[in-house]
Amino acid sequence: MAIKEEKLIMSAELRARLGGVSAMTTHRWQNDAELNFPEPIKIRERNARIVANKRLQIIMLIFFLNIPKTYNLLVLLLSQ
């Protein structure tokens, strides 16, 4: 059985890539059913996320390109 390699990103690095958003911001996004933010993977007591996750890639791209950070834009893109 082949093991699929997936790159993990720790929550602190994710927040830094998203322009330095707070832990509370990612917590709110994660708990917002309408936004459907990817759930973290627990590694001991730390949170990590799979970079290959399409939703996470879209979110990181929005922030990297400095597209206006509007909640409705995120909801629209992630609902597709």
Protein backbone atom coordinates (compact mmCIF):
# COMPACT_ATOMS: atom_id res chain seq x y z
CA MET A 1 0.00 0.00 0.00
CA ALA A 2 1.45 3.36 -1.04
CA ILE A 3 1.66 6.12 1.52
CA LYS A 4 0.63 9.49 0.16
CA GLU A 5 3.06 12.26 1.09
CA GLU A 6 1.36 15.46 2.15
CA LYS A 7 3.09 18.61 3.33
CA LEU A 8 1.90 19.83 6.69
CA ILE A 9 2.01 23.41 7.82
CA MET A 10 1.86 24.33 11.48
CA SER A 11 -0.72 26.90 12.56
CA ALA A 12 1.87 29.57 13.41
CA GLU A 13 3.35 29.36 9.91
CA LEU A 14 -0.12 29.41 8.35
CA ARG A 15 -1.04 32.56 10.27
CA ALA A 16 2.22 34.20 9.17
CA ARG A 17 1.50 33.31 5.52
CA LEU A 18 -1.95 34.81 5.88
CA GLY A 19 -0.47 38.17 6.75
CA GLY A 20 -0.08 37.67 10.47
CA VAL A 21 -3.72 36.99 11.35
CA SER A 22 -4.31 36.07 14.97
CA ALA A 23 -4.96 32.61 16.37
CA MET A 24 -8.46 33.83 17.26
CA THR A 25 -9.10 34.71 13.60
CA THR A 26 -8.23 31.21 12.39
CA HIS A 27 -10.27 29.79 15.29
CA ARG A 28 -13.31 31.82 14.20
CA TRP A 29 -12.87 30.80 10.56
CA GLN A 30 -12.60 27.16 11.61
CA ASN A 31 -15.81 27.36 13.65
CA ASP A 32 -17.80 29.19 10.96
CA ALA A 33 -19.92 26.55 9.20
CA GLU A 34 -20.59 28.86 6.25
CA LEU A 35 -16.88 29.44 5.58
CA ASN A 36 -15.94 25.75 5.85
CA PHE A 37 -12.30 26.46 6.79
CA PRO A 38 -10.20 23.26 6.83
CA GLU A 39 -9.99 21.49 10.17
CA PRO A 40 -6.54 21.12 11.71
CA ILE A 41 -4.78 17.85 12.36
CA LYS A 42 -3.68 17.50 15.99
CA ILE A 43 -0.05 16.49 16.49
CA ARG A 44 0.35 16.12 20.21
CA GLU A 45 -1.08 19.46 21.36
CA ARG A 46 -0.22 21.42 18.20
CA ASN A 47 -2.37 22.12 15.15
CA ALA A 48 -1.22 21.45 11.62
CA ARG A 49 -3.00 21.62 8.29
CA ILE A 50 -2.40 19.83 4.98
CA VAL A 51 -1.09 22.31 2.41
CA ALA A 52 -2.55 20.24 -0.45
CA ASN A 53 -6.05 21.11 0.79
CA LYS A 54 -7.65 23.16 -2.01
CA ARG A 55 -9.58 25.43 0.34
CA LEU A 56 -6.42 26.29 2.25
CA GLN A 57 -4.57 27.00 -1.00
CA ILE A 58 -7.31 29.42 -2.11
CA ILE A 59 -7.20 31.25 1.23
CA MET A 60 -3.40 31.54 1.13
CA LEU A 61 -3.54 32.78 -2.48
CA ILE A 62 -6.09 35.47 -1.60
CA PHE A 63 -3.84 36.80 1.14
CA PHE A 64 -0.63 36.44 -0.89
CA LEU A 65 -2.07 38.46 -3.77
CA ASN A 66 -3.38 41.04 -1.29
CA ILE A 67 -6.91 40.73 -2.64
CA PRO A 68 -9.26 42.70 -0.36
CA LYS A 69 -9.84 40.57 2.72
CA THR A 70 -13.59 40.45 2.68
CA TYR A 71 -15.54 37.75 4.41
CA ASN A 72 -18.01 37.47 1.52
CA LEU A 73 -15.21 36.84 -0.99
CA LEU A 74 -13.86 33.99 1.12
CA VAL A 75 -17.33 32.50 1.53
CA LEU A 76 -18.00 32.76 -2.21
CA LEU A 77 -14.73 31.11 -3.24
CA LEU A 78 -14.83 28.38 -0.63
CA SER A 79 -18.45 27.43 -1.26
CA GLN A 80 -17.63 26.29 -4.80
